[in-house]
Amino acid sequence: MFGKNKKESFIVYTAGAAVLKEIARPVTVVSDEIRQLASDMLKAMRVFNGIGLAAPQYGKSLRMVVFDVPAENSTGTPGEEYLLPKMPLTVINPEIVARSEQLIKREEGCLSVPDIFAPVTRPATVVFRAQTLDGEFFEFECGGLLGRCIQHELDHLDGFLFTDRLAPEDERVIRGDLNRLKSIGQSCNYRRISKK
């Protein structure tokens, strides 16, 4: 038993979990507990190979998101130029304050909806406002993969999954798989667990 590293457990809640349908509460104080939660969320996001994770997916109904969007996906918007070099990034109380009229349809997946992918139509760019754990406030226009990831993750803070945003014909294609995921999820309290 001596000399062996204890494995950590990481959990992501899946479709069907009540916490994913709640409107998350604002973070009022950046405490040691919030910093630890951010660290745990970043580890979980990496363990499950994600580029974003919202606190409700980790079982905490708080307005907090971690991102690790690859820099090579930049389309050159001011937010991408500023934020991508800072990845991984934790933000609290993030909000979208404006959306472009131009729409783009692109396939999405989600750590809370594993192995299911479908095309989602979203604004091409958004104006994103948030605060870092160190108290820095920022507001930038974001596009590309970052802009889409922001929209996807902030949906989690308001109780939406990407599957709630699908056109009816696209929802029909994945309906059986989604129902199976929810049925299987009941047996494990809607949790994916990974030990590292």
N, C-alpha and C. Protein backbone atom coordinates (compact mmCIF):
# COMPACT_ATOMS: atom_id res chain seq x y z
N MET A 1 0.83 -1.21 0.00
CA MET A 1 0.00 0.00 0.00
C MET A 1 0.86 1.25 0.00
N PHE A 2 2.05 1.18 0.64
CA PHE A 2 2.89 2.36 0.70
C PHE A 2 3.48 2.66 -0.67
N GLY A 3 3.65 3.95 -0.95
CA GLY A 3 4.28 4.35 -2.20
C GLY A 3 3.32 4.44 -3.37
N LYS A 4 2.08 4.02 -3.19
CA LYS A 4 1.11 4.11 -4.29
C LYS A 4 0.35 5.43 -4.20
N ASN A 5 0.20 6.07 -5.34
CA ASN A 5 -0.54 7.32 -5.37
C ASN A 5 -2.03 7.05 -5.30
N LYS A 6 -2.70 7.80 -4.47
CA LYS A 6 -4.15 7.68 -4.38
C LYS A 6 -4.78 8.32 -5.61
N LYS A 7 -5.68 7.61 -6.25
CA LYS A 7 -6.33 8.15 -7.44
C LYS A 7 -7.43 9.12 -7.04
N GLU A 8 -7.55 10.20 -7.83
CA GLU A 8 -8.61 11.16 -7.63
C GLU A 8 -9.81 10.75 -8.48
N SER A 9 -11.01 11.05 -7.98
CA SER A 9 -12.23 10.80 -8.74
C SER A 9 -12.77 12.11 -9.29
N PHE A 10 -13.19 12.08 -10.54
CA PHE A 10 -13.78 13.25 -11.17
C PHE A 10 -15.15 12.87 -11.71
N ILE A 11 -16.10 13.77 -11.49
CA ILE A 11 -17.49 13.50 -11.85
C ILE A 11 -18.02 14.58 -12.77
N VAL A 12 -18.73 14.17 -13.80
CA VAL A 12 -19.49 15.09 -14.64
C VAL A 12 -20.93 14.57 -14.68
N TYR A 13 -21.87 15.45 -14.40
CA TYR A 13 -23.28 15.06 -14.41
C TYR A 13 -23.81 15.04 -15.84
N THR A 14 -24.68 14.07 -16.10
CA THR A 14 -25.18 13.87 -17.46
C THR A 14 -26.66 14.22 -17.59
N ALA A 15 -27.10 14.28 -18.84
CA ALA A 15 -28.49 14.63 -19.16
C ALA A 15 -29.44 13.81 -18.30
N GLY A 16 -30.39 14.50 -17.68
CA GLY A 16 -31.32 13.87 -16.76
C GLY A 16 -31.10 14.31 -15.33
N ALA A 17 -29.89 14.81 -15.03
CA ALA A 17 -29.58 15.28 -13.67
C ALA A 17 -30.30 16.60 -13.40
N ALA A 18 -30.89 16.70 -12.22
CA ALA A 18 -31.66 17.90 -11.87
C ALA A 18 -30.80 19.16 -11.88
N VAL A 19 -29.54 19.04 -11.47
CA VAL A 19 -28.67 20.23 -11.38
C VAL A 19 -28.45 20.88 -12.74
N LEU A 20 -28.59 20.10 -13.80
CA LEU A 20 -28.39 20.64 -15.15
C LEU A 20 -29.60 21.44 -15.65
N LYS A 21 -30.70 21.39 -14.91
CA LYS A 21 -31.91 22.12 -15.30
C LYS A 21 -32.15 23.36 -14.45
N GLU A 22 -31.27 23.59 -13.47
CA GLU A 22 -31.44 24.73 -12.57
C GLU A 22 -30.81 25.99 -13.15
N ILE A 23 -31.32 27.14 -12.72
CA ILE A 23 -30.64 28.41 -13.00
C ILE A 23 -29.62 28.61 -11.90
N ALA A 24 -28.35 28.67 -12.28
CA ALA A 24 -27.26 28.69 -11.31
C ALA A 24 -27.21 30.02 -10.56
N ARG A 25 -26.73 29.97 -9.32
CA ARG A 25 -26.61 31.15 -8.46
C ARG A 25 -25.32 31.90 -8.76
N PRO A 26 -25.34 33.23 -8.61
CA PRO A 26 -24.10 34.00 -8.78
C PRO A 26 -23.06 33.63 -7.72
N VAL A 27 -21.80 33.77 -8.09
CA VAL A 27 -20.71 33.64 -7.13
C VAL A 27 -20.56 34.99 -6.45
N THR A 28 -20.70 35.04 -5.14
CA THR A 28 -20.66 36.31 -4.42
C THR A 28 -19.27 36.64 -3.86
N VAL A 29 -18.50 35.60 -3.53
CA VAL A 29 -17.16 35.80 -2.96
C VAL A 29 -16.23 34.75 -3.57
N VAL A 30 -15.04 35.19 -4.00
CA VAL A 30 -14.04 34.24 -4.49
C VAL A 30 -13.26 33.73 -3.27
N SER A 31 -13.78 32.69 -2.68
CA SER A 31 -13.21 32.09 -1.46
C SER A 31 -12.22 30.99 -1.84
N ASP A 32 -11.57 30.44 -0.82
CA ASP A 32 -10.68 29.29 -1.06
C ASP A 32 -11.47 28.12 -1.64
N GLU A 33 -12.73 27.98 -1.22
CA GLU A 33 -13.57 26.89 -1.73
C GLU A 33 -13.85 27.07 -3.22
N ILE A 34 -14.08 28.32 -3.63
CA ILE A 34 -14.32 28.60 -5.05
C ILE A 34 -13.05 28.34 -5.86
N ARG A 35 -11.92 28.73 -5.35
CA ARG A 35 -10.65 28.47 -6.05
C ARG A 35 -10.38 26.96 -6.17
N GLN A 36 -10.71 26.23 -5.11
CA GLN A 36 -10.53 24.77 -5.16
C GLN A 36 -11.50 24.15 -6.17
N LEU A 37 -12.73 24.65 -6.18
CA LEU A 37 -13.70 24.16 -7.16
C LEU A 37 -13.21 24.40 -8.58
N ALA A 38 -12.66 25.58 -8.83
CA ALA A 38 -12.14 25.89 -10.16
C ALA A 38 -11.03 24.92 -10.53
N SER A 39 -10.13 24.64 -9.59
CA SER A 39 -9.04 23.70 -9.85
C SER A 39 -9.57 22.30 -10.14
N ASP A 40 -10.55 21.86 -9.37
CA ASP A 40 -11.15 20.54 -9.59
C ASP A 40 -11.87 20.47 -10.93
N MET A 41 -12.56 21.55 -11.29
CA MET A 41 -13.27 21.58 -12.57
C MET A 41 -12.30 21.51 -13.74
N LEU A 42 -11.18 22.23 -13.63
CA LEU A 42 -10.18 22.18 -14.70
C LEU A 42 -9.63 20.77 -14.87
N LYS A 43 -9.37 20.10 -13.75
CA LYS A 43 -8.87 18.72 -13.82
C LYS A 43 -9.92 17.82 -14.46
N ALA A 44 -11.17 17.96 -14.05
CA ALA A 44 -12.24 17.12 -14.61
C ALA A 44 -12.40 17.37 -16.10
N MET A 45 -12.36 18.64 -16.50
CA MET A 45 -12.48 18.97 -17.92
C MET A 45 -11.40 18.27 -18.73
N ARG A 46 -10.19 18.26 -18.21
CA ARG A 46 -9.08 17.62 -18.93
C ARG A 46 -9.22 16.10 -18.94
N VAL A 47 -9.62 15.53 -17.79
CA VAL A 47 -9.80 14.08 -17.70
C VAL A 47 -10.82 13.59 -18.72
N PHE A 48 -11.88 14.38 -18.91
CA PHE A 48 -12.94 13.99 -19.85
C PHE A 48 -12.73 14.57 -21.25
N ASN A 49 -11.57 15.20 -21.48
CA ASN A 49 -11.20 15.72 -22.81
C ASN A 49 -12.15 16.79 -23.32
N GLY A 50 -12.48 17.75 -22.46
CA GLY A 50 -13.35 18.84 -22.87
C GLY A 50 -12.57 20.13 -23.09
N ILE A 51 -13.25 21.14 -23.64
CA ILE A 51 -12.65 22.47 -23.80
C ILE A 51 -13.41 23.51 -22.97
N GLY A 52 -14.46 23.07 -22.29
CA GLY A 52 -15.21 23.94 -21.41
C GLY A 52 -16.02 23.10 -20.44
N LEU A 53 -16.23 23.64 -19.23
CA LEU A 53 -17.03 22.93 -18.24
C LEU A 53 -17.67 23.96 -17.33
N ALA A 54 -18.98 23.89 -17.20
CA ALA A 54 -19.71 24.79 -16.31
C ALA A 54 -19.92 24.12 -14.96
N ALA A 55 -19.96 24.93 -13.91
CA ALA A 55 -20.09 24.37 -12.56
C ALA A 55 -21.29 23.42 -12.40
N PRO A 56 -22.46 23.70 -13.01
CA PRO A 56 -23.56 22.73 -12.86
C PRO A 56 -23.20 21.33 -13.38
N GLN A 57 -22.36 21.26 -14.40
CA GLN A 57 -21.94 19.95 -14.90
C GLN A 57 -21.11 19.20 -13.87
N TYR A 58 -20.51 19.95 -12.96
CA TYR A 58 -19.70 19.37 -11.90
C TYR A 58 -20.52 19.20 -10.61
N GLY A 59 -21.82 19.48 -10.73
CA GLY A 59 -22.73 19.27 -9.60
C GLY A 59 -22.91 20.47 -8.69
N LYS A 60 -22.36 21.63 -9.10
CA LYS A 60 -22.46 22.84 -8.28
C LYS A 60 -23.26 23.89 -9.05
N SER A 61 -24.38 24.30 -8.49
CA SER A 61 -25.26 25.26 -9.16
C SER A 61 -24.75 26.69 -8.93
N LEU A 62 -23.61 27.00 -9.56
CA LEU A 62 -22.96 28.31 -9.44
C LEU A 62 -22.62 28.83 -10.82
N ARG A 63 -22.58 30.15 -10.96
CA ARG A 63 -22.28 30.77 -12.24
C ARG A 63 -20.76 30.88 -12.41
N MET A 64 -20.17 29.76 -12.75
CA MET A 64 -18.73 29.66 -12.93
C MET A 64 -18.44 28.69 -14.06
N VAL A 65 -17.45 29.04 -14.88
CA VAL A 65 -17.10 28.22 -16.04
C VAL A 65 -15.59 28.17 -16.18
N VAL A 66 -15.07 27.02 -16.56
CA VAL A 66 -13.66 26.91 -16.94
C VAL A 66 -13.59 26.62 -18.44
N PHE A 67 -12.58 27.22 -19.07
CA PHE A 67 -12.36 27.06 -20.51
C PHE A 67 -10.92 26.65 -20.76
N ASP A 68 -10.73 25.87 -21.82
CA ASP A 68 -9.38 25.61 -22.34
C ASP A 68 -9.50 25.40 -23.85
N VAL A 69 -9.84 26.49 -24.53
CA VAL A 69 -10.05 26.45 -25.98
C VAL A 69 -8.70 26.60 -26.68
N PRO A 70 -8.37 25.71 -27.61
CA PRO A 70 -7.07 25.80 -28.29
C PRO A 70 -6.91 27.10 -29.07
N ALA A 71 -5.73 27.70 -28.96
CA ALA A 71 -5.47 29.00 -29.58
C ALA A 71 -5.48 28.93 -31.11
N GLU A 72 -5.17 27.76 -31.66
CA GLU A 72 -5.08 27.67 -33.12
C GLU A 72 -6.43 27.80 -33.81
N ASN A 73 -7.51 27.85 -33.02
CA ASN A 73 -8.84 27.98 -33.61
C ASN A 73 -9.32 29.43 -33.71
N SER A 74 -8.43 30.38 -33.53
CA SER A 74 -8.82 31.79 -33.53
C SER A 74 -9.28 32.27 -34.90
N THR A 75 -10.34 33.09 -34.89
CA THR A 75 -10.78 33.77 -36.11
C THR A 75 -10.43 35.25 -36.06
N GLY A 76 -9.72 35.67 -35.00
CA GLY A 76 -9.20 37.02 -34.95
C GLY A 76 -10.06 38.06 -34.26
N THR A 77 -11.15 37.65 -33.59
CA THR A 77 -11.95 38.64 -32.87
C THR A 77 -11.16 39.15 -31.66
N PRO A 78 -11.49 40.35 -31.17
CA PRO A 78 -10.73 40.90 -30.03
C PRO A 78 -10.71 39.98 -28.81
N GLY A 79 -11.84 39.32 -28.53
CA GLY A 79 -11.89 38.42 -27.38
C GLY A 79 -10.98 37.22 -27.54
N GLU A 80 -10.93 36.67 -28.75
CA GLU A 80 -10.03 35.54 -28.99
C GLU A 80 -8.57 35.97 -28.83
N GLU A 81 -8.25 37.14 -29.37
CA GLU A 81 -6.87 37.63 -29.30
C GLU A 81 -6.44 37.84 -27.84
N TYR A 82 -7.38 38.27 -27.00
CA TYR A 82 -7.05 38.55 -25.60
C TYR A 82 -7.13 37.31 -24.72
N LEU A 83 -8.17 36.50 -24.92
CA LEU A 83 -8.45 35.41 -23.99
C LEU A 83 -7.74 34.10 -24.31
N LEU A 84 -7.57 33.77 -25.58
CA LEU A 84 -6.98 32.47 -25.92
C LEU A 84 -5.57 32.30 -25.34
N PRO A 85 -4.71 33.34 -25.35
CA PRO A 85 -3.39 33.15 -24.74
C PRO A 85 -3.44 32.94 -23.23
N LYS A 86 -4.58 33.25 -22.60
CA LYS A 86 -4.71 33.11 -21.14
C LYS A 86 -5.26 31.73 -20.74
N MET A 87 -5.54 30.87 -21.70
CA MET A 87 -6.09 29.56 -21.39
C MET A 87 -5.09 28.71 -20.63
N PRO A 88 -5.53 27.85 -19.67
CA PRO A 88 -6.93 27.67 -19.26
C PRO A 88 -7.40 28.86 -18.43
N LEU A 89 -8.70 29.12 -18.51
CA LEU A 89 -9.27 30.32 -17.91
C LEU A 89 -10.51 29.96 -17.10
N THR A 90 -10.60 30.52 -15.91
CA THR A 90 -11.80 30.38 -15.08
C THR A 90 -12.49 31.72 -14.99
N VAL A 91 -13.81 31.74 -15.21
CA VAL A 91 -14.57 32.99 -15.10
C VAL A 91 -15.74 32.78 -14.14
N ILE A 92 -16.10 33.87 -13.47
CA ILE A 92 -17.26 33.84 -12.59
C ILE A 92 -18.28 34.86 -13.07
N ASN A 93 -19.53 34.52 -12.85
CA ASN A 93 -20.68 35.36 -13.22
C ASN A 93 -20.59 35.87 -14.66
N PRO A 94 -20.29 34.98 -15.60
CA PRO A 94 -20.17 35.41 -17.00
C PRO A 94 -21.54 35.71 -17.59
N GLU A 95 -21.56 36.60 -18.57
CA GLU A 95 -22.81 36.90 -19.28
C GLU A 95 -22.52 37.29 -20.71
N ILE A 96 -23.51 37.07 -21.54
CA ILE A 96 -23.47 37.51 -22.94
C ILE A 96 -24.32 38.76 -23.01
N VAL A 97 -23.70 39.88 -23.42
CA VAL A 97 -24.41 41.16 -23.42
C VAL A 97 -24.89 41.57 -24.82
N ALA A 98 -24.40 40.88 -25.85
CA ALA A 98 -24.87 41.15 -27.22
C ALA A 98 -24.57 39.94 -28.08
N ARG A 99 -25.39 39.76 -29.13
CA ARG A 99 -25.22 38.65 -30.07
C ARG A 99 -25.30 39.18 -31.49
N SER A 100 -24.48 38.64 -32.37
CA SER A 100 -24.52 39.07 -33.78
C SER A 100 -25.78 38.54 -34.45
N GLU A 101 -26.19 39.21 -35.50
CA GLU A 101 -27.34 38.74 -36.28
C GLU A 101 -26.94 37.56 -37.16
N GLN A 102 -25.69 37.52 -37.56
CA GLN A 102 -25.22 36.41 -38.39
C GLN A 102 -25.24 35.12 -37.57
N LEU A 103 -25.77 34.06 -38.18
CA LEU A 103 -25.86 32.76 -37.50
C LEU A 103 -24.98 31.74 -38.20
N ILE A 104 -24.46 30.82 -37.42
CA ILE A 104 -23.65 29.72 -37.97
C ILE A 104 -24.14 28.41 -37.36
N LYS A 105 -24.30 27.40 -38.22
CA LYS A 105 -24.70 26.07 -37.77
C LYS A 105 -23.46 25.19 -37.74
N ARG A 106 -23.19 24.59 -36.59
CA ARG A 106 -21.99 23.76 -36.42
C ARG A 106 -22.27 22.64 -35.44
N GLU A 107 -21.64 21.50 -35.69
CA GLU A 107 -21.85 20.35 -34.81
C GLU A 107 -21.27 20.61 -33.43
N GLU A 108 -22.01 20.20 -32.40
CA GLU A 108 -21.56 20.32 -31.03
C GLU A 108 -21.69 18.98 -30.33
N GLY A 109 -20.89 18.83 -29.29
CA GLY A 109 -20.99 17.72 -28.36
C GLY A 109 -20.93 18.31 -26.96
N CYS A 110 -20.99 17.46 -25.95
CA CYS A 110 -21.02 17.96 -24.58
C CYS A 110 -20.58 16.85 -23.63
N LEU A 111 -19.79 17.22 -22.62
CA LEU A 111 -19.38 16.23 -21.63
C LEU A 111 -20.57 15.65 -20.87
N SER A 112 -21.67 16.40 -20.81
CA SER A 112 -22.87 15.92 -20.12
C SER A 112 -23.79 15.12 -21.05
N VAL A 113 -23.44 15.07 -22.32
CA VAL A 113 -24.20 14.30 -23.31
C VAL A 113 -23.18 13.48 -24.11
N PRO A 114 -22.49 12.55 -23.45
CA PRO A 114 -21.36 11.87 -24.09
C PRO A 114 -21.73 11.08 -25.33
N ASP A 115 -20.85 11.21 -26.34
CA ASP A 115 -20.94 10.42 -27.57
C ASP A 115 -22.15 10.75 -28.43
N ILE A 116 -22.77 11.90 -28.19
CA ILE A 116 -23.89 12.35 -29.01
C ILE A 116 -23.52 13.72 -29.58
N PHE A 117 -23.64 13.86 -30.89
CA PHE A 117 -23.27 15.10 -31.57
C PHE A 117 -24.40 15.51 -32.50
N ALA A 118 -24.59 16.83 -32.62
CA ALA A 118 -25.64 17.33 -33.50
C ALA A 118 -25.35 18.80 -33.85
N PRO A 119 -25.86 19.26 -34.99
CA PRO A 119 -25.61 20.65 -35.40
C PRO A 119 -26.51 21.63 -34.65
N VAL A 120 -25.89 22.71 -34.15
CA VAL A 120 -26.60 23.75 -33.41
C VAL A 120 -26.38 25.08 -34.10
N THR A 121 -27.45 25.83 -34.30
CA THR A 121 -27.34 27.17 -34.90
C THR A 121 -27.20 28.19 -33.78
N ARG A 122 -26.12 28.98 -33.86
CA ARG A 122 -25.86 30.01 -32.86
C ARG A 122 -25.33 31.28 -33.55
N PRO A 123 -25.41 32.43 -32.86
CA PRO A 123 -24.80 33.64 -33.40
C PRO A 123 -23.31 33.43 -33.67
N ALA A 124 -22.82 34.05 -34.74
CA ALA A 124 -21.41 33.90 -35.12
C ALA A 124 -20.48 34.51 -34.09
N THR A 125 -20.90 35.62 -33.48
CA THR A 125 -20.10 36.26 -32.43
C THR A 125 -21.01 36.71 -31.30
N VAL A 126 -20.41 36.85 -30.12
CA VAL A 126 -21.12 37.37 -28.96
C VAL A 126 -20.20 38.35 -28.24
N VAL A 127 -20.80 39.28 -27.52
CA VAL A 127 -20.03 40.13 -26.62
C VAL A 127 -20.12 39.50 -25.23
N PHE A 128 -18.96 39.13 -24.73
CA PHE A 128 -18.82 38.32 -23.52
C PHE A 128 -18.26 39.18 -22.39
N ARG A 129 -18.96 39.17 -21.25
CA ARG A 129 -18.51 39.92 -20.07
C ARG A 129 -18.38 38.95 -18.91
N ALA A 130 -17.26 39.06 -18.17
CA ALA A 130 -17.05 38.16 -17.04
C ALA A 130 -15.97 38.73 -16.13
N GLN A 131 -15.71 37.99 -15.05
CA GLN A 131 -14.67 38.34 -14.10
C GLN A 131 -13.80 37.11 -13.87
N THR A 132 -12.49 37.32 -13.74
CA THR A 132 -11.59 36.21 -13.43
C THR A 132 -11.55 36.00 -11.92
N LEU A 133 -10.93 34.93 -11.50
CA LEU A 133 -10.79 34.66 -10.07
C LEU A 133 -9.93 35.71 -9.37
N ASP A 134 -9.09 36.39 -10.15
CA ASP A 134 -8.23 37.43 -9.59
C ASP A 134 -8.88 38.80 -9.58
N GLY A 135 -10.14 38.87 -9.95
CA GLY A 135 -10.87 40.13 -9.87
C GLY A 135 -10.84 40.98 -11.12
N GLU A 136 -10.22 40.50 -12.20
CA GLU A 136 -10.18 41.27 -13.45
C GLU A 136 -11.53 41.15 -14.16
N PHE A 137 -12.12 42.30 -14.51
CA PHE A 137 -13.32 42.32 -15.32
C PHE A 137 -12.92 42.54 -16.77
N PHE A 138 -13.62 41.88 -17.68
CA PHE A 138 -13.36 42.12 -19.10
C PHE A 138 -14.66 42.02 -19.89
N GLU A 139 -14.65 42.61 -21.06
CA GLU A 139 -15.79 42.53 -21.98
C GLU A 139 -15.24 42.60 -23.39
N PHE A 140 -15.47 41.53 -24.18
CA PHE A 140 -14.92 41.44 -25.52
C PHE A 140 -15.90 40.77 -26.47
N GLU A 141 -15.79 41.11 -27.74
CA GLU A 141 -16.47 40.35 -28.78
C GLU A 141 -15.66 39.08 -29.03
N CYS A 142 -16.37 37.94 -29.04
CA CYS A 142 -15.71 36.65 -29.25
C CYS A 142 -16.42 35.88 -30.36
N GLY A 143 -15.62 35.30 -31.25
CA GLY A 143 -16.17 34.47 -32.31
C GLY A 143 -15.45 33.14 -32.35
N GLY A 144 -15.60 32.45 -33.47
CA GLY A 144 -14.92 31.17 -33.66
C GLY A 144 -15.35 30.14 -32.64
N LEU A 145 -14.44 29.20 -32.37
CA LEU A 145 -14.74 28.13 -31.42
C LEU A 145 -14.94 28.69 -30.01
N LEU A 146 -14.19 29.72 -29.65
CA LEU A 146 -14.35 30.34 -28.33
C LEU A 146 -15.75 30.91 -28.18
N GLY A 147 -16.21 31.65 -29.18
CA GLY A 147 -17.55 32.24 -29.12
C GLY A 147 -18.63 31.18 -28.98
N ARG A 148 -18.48 30.08 -29.69
CA ARG A 148 -19.45 28.99 -29.59
C ARG A 148 -19.37 28.31 -28.23
N CYS A 149 -18.15 28.09 -27.75
CA CYS A 149 -17.98 27.45 -26.44
C CYS A 149 -18.58 28.31 -25.33
N ILE A 150 -18.40 29.63 -25.42
CA ILE A 150 -18.99 30.54 -24.45
C ILE A 150 -20.51 30.36 -24.42
N GLN A 151 -21.13 30.37 -25.60
CA GLN A 151 -22.59 30.23 -25.67
C GLN A 151 -23.04 28.89 -25.11
N HIS A 152 -22.32 27.85 -25.46
CA HIS A 152 -22.65 26.49 -24.99
C HIS A 152 -22.56 26.40 -23.47
N GLU A 153 -21.45 26.88 -22.90
CA GLU A 153 -21.25 26.78 -21.46
C GLU A 153 -22.19 27.68 -20.67
N LEU A 154 -22.45 28.88 -21.18
CA LEU A 154 -23.37 29.78 -20.46
C LEU A 154 -24.79 29.26 -20.51
N ASP A 155 -25.14 28.49 -21.54
CA ASP A 155 -26.44 27.81 -21.54
C ASP A 155 -26.59 26.92 -20.31
N HIS A 156 -25.49 26.24 -19.92
CA HIS A 156 -25.54 25.37 -18.74
C HIS A 156 -25.92 26.15 -17.48
N LEU A 157 -25.53 27.41 -17.41
CA LEU A 157 -25.82 28.21 -16.22
C LEU A 157 -27.30 28.57 -16.12
N ASP A 158 -28.01 28.44 -17.24
CA ASP A 158 -29.44 28.75 -17.26
C ASP A 158 -30.30 27.52 -17.47
N GLY A 159 -29.72 26.35 -17.30
CA GLY A 159 -30.50 25.11 -17.34
C GLY A 159 -30.73 24.52 -18.72
N PHE A 160 -29.89 24.90 -19.70
CA PHE A 160 -30.06 24.38 -21.06
C PHE A 160 -28.88 23.50 -21.47
N LEU A 161 -29.18 22.42 -22.19
CA LEU A 161 -28.18 21.61 -22.87
C LEU A 161 -28.22 21.96 -24.36
N PHE A 162 -27.15 21.63 -25.09
CA PHE A 162 -27.17 21.93 -26.52
C PHE A 162 -28.31 21.21 -27.22
N THR A 163 -28.73 20.08 -26.67
CA THR A 163 -29.83 19.32 -27.29
C THR A 163 -31.15 20.08 -27.21
N ASP A 164 -31.25 21.04 -26.28
CA ASP A 164 -32.45 21.88 -26.19
C ASP A 164 -32.49 22.92 -27.30
N ARG A 165 -31.37 23.13 -27.98
CA ARG A 165 -31.25 24.18 -29.01
C ARG A 165 -31.38 23.63 -30.44
N LEU A 166 -31.65 22.33 -30.56
CA LEU A 166 -31.66 21.71 -31.88
C LEU A 166 -32.93 22.02 -32.66
N ALA A 167 -32.78 22.11 -33.96
CA ALA A 167 -33.94 22.18 -34.84
C ALA A 167 -34.69 20.85 -34.73
N PRO A 168 -36.02 20.86 -34.90
CA PRO A 168 -36.80 19.62 -34.71
C PRO A 168 -36.27 18.43 -35.52
N GLU A 169 -35.87 18.68 -36.76
CA GLU A 169 -35.40 17.57 -37.59
C GLU A 169 -34.07 17.01 -37.08
N ASP A 170 -33.23 17.85 -36.48
CA ASP A 170 -31.96 17.38 -35.92
C ASP A 170 -32.18 16.68 -34.57
N GLU A 171 -33.15 17.17 -33.80
CA GLU A 171 -33.47 16.53 -32.52
C GLU A 171 -34.00 15.12 -32.74
N ARG A 172 -34.79 14.93 -33.79
CA ARG A 172 -35.34 13.60 -34.06
C ARG A 172 -34.24 12.58 -34.31
N VAL A 173 -33.16 13.02 -34.96
CA VAL A 173 -32.06 12.11 -35.30
C VAL A 173 -31.39 11.54 -34.05
N ILE A 174 -31.27 12.36 -33.00
CA ILE A 174 -30.55 11.91 -31.80
C ILE A 174 -31.49 11.51 -30.66
N ARG A 175 -32.79 11.61 -30.85
CA ARG A 175 -33.74 11.40 -29.76
C ARG A 175 -33.57 10.02 -29.10
N GLY A 176 -33.42 8.98 -29.90
CA GLY A 176 -33.26 7.63 -29.35
C GLY A 176 -32.01 7.52 -28.50
N ASP A 177 -30.89 8.06 -29.01
CA ASP A 177 -29.63 8.01 -28.26
C ASP A 177 -29.74 8.81 -26.96
N LEU A 178 -30.40 9.95 -27.01
CA LEU A 178 -30.54 10.79 -25.82
C LEU A 178 -31.42 10.09 -24.78
N ASN A 179 -32.49 9.48 -25.23
CA ASN A 179 -33.36 8.75 -24.29
C ASN A 179 -32.62 7.58 -23.65
N ARG A 180 -31.78 6.88 -24.44
CA ARG A 180 -30.98 5.78 -23.88
C ARG A 180 -29.98 6.31 -22.85
N LEU A 181 -29.36 7.46 -23.15
CA LEU A 181 -28.41 8.05 -22.20
C LEU A 181 -29.11 8.37 -20.88
N LYS A 182 -30.29 8.96 -20.95
CA LYS A 182 -31.02 9.31 -19.72
C LYS A 182 -31.44 8.05 -18.97
N SER A 183 -31.83 7.01 -19.70
CA SER A 183 -32.24 5.76 -19.06
C SER A 183 -31.07 5.10 -18.34
N ILE A 184 -29.92 5.05 -19.02
CA ILE A 184 -28.71 4.49 -18.40
C ILE A 184 -28.28 5.35 -17.22
N GLY A 185 -28.43 6.67 -17.37
CA GLY A 185 -28.01 7.60 -16.32
C GLY A 185 -28.72 7.39 -15.00
N GLN A 186 -29.96 6.92 -15.05
CA GLN A 186 -30.71 6.69 -13.81
C GLN A 186 -29.99 5.72 -12.90
N SER A 187 -29.34 4.72 -13.47
CA SER A 187 -28.69 3.68 -12.66
C SER A 187 -27.42 4.17 -11.97
N CYS A 188 -26.86 5.31 -12.41
CA CYS A 188 -25.64 5.83 -11.79
C CYS A 188 -25.83 7.28 -11.34
N ASN A 189 -27.07 7.64 -11.02
CA ASN A 189 -27.40 8.99 -10.54
C ASN A 189 -26.94 10.07 -11.51
N TYR A 190 -26.99 9.76 -12.81
CA TYR A 190 -26.64 10.71 -13.86
C TYR A 190 -25.23 11.27 -13.69
N ARG A 191 -24.29 10.37 -13.40
CA ARG A 191 -22.91 10.81 -13.20
C ARG A 191 -21.94 9.96 -14.02
N ARG A 192 -21.00 10.62 -14.66
CA ARG A 192 -19.85 9.95 -15.26
C ARG A 192 -18.71 10.10 -14.27
N ILE A 193 -18.03 9.01 -13.96
CA ILE A 193 -16.94 9.06 -12.99
C ILE A 193 -15.68 8.54 -13.65
N SER A 194 -14.60 9.29 -13.46
CA SER A 194 -13.30 8.86 -13.96
C SER A 194 -12.28 9.01 -12.85
N LYS A 195 -11.43 8.01 -12.71
CA LYS A 195 -10.37 8.07 -11.69
C LYS A 195 -9.03 8.25 -12.38
N LYS A 196 -8.26 9.23 -11.89
CA LYS A 196 -6.92 9.49 -12.47
C LYS A 196 -5.90 9.59 -11.35
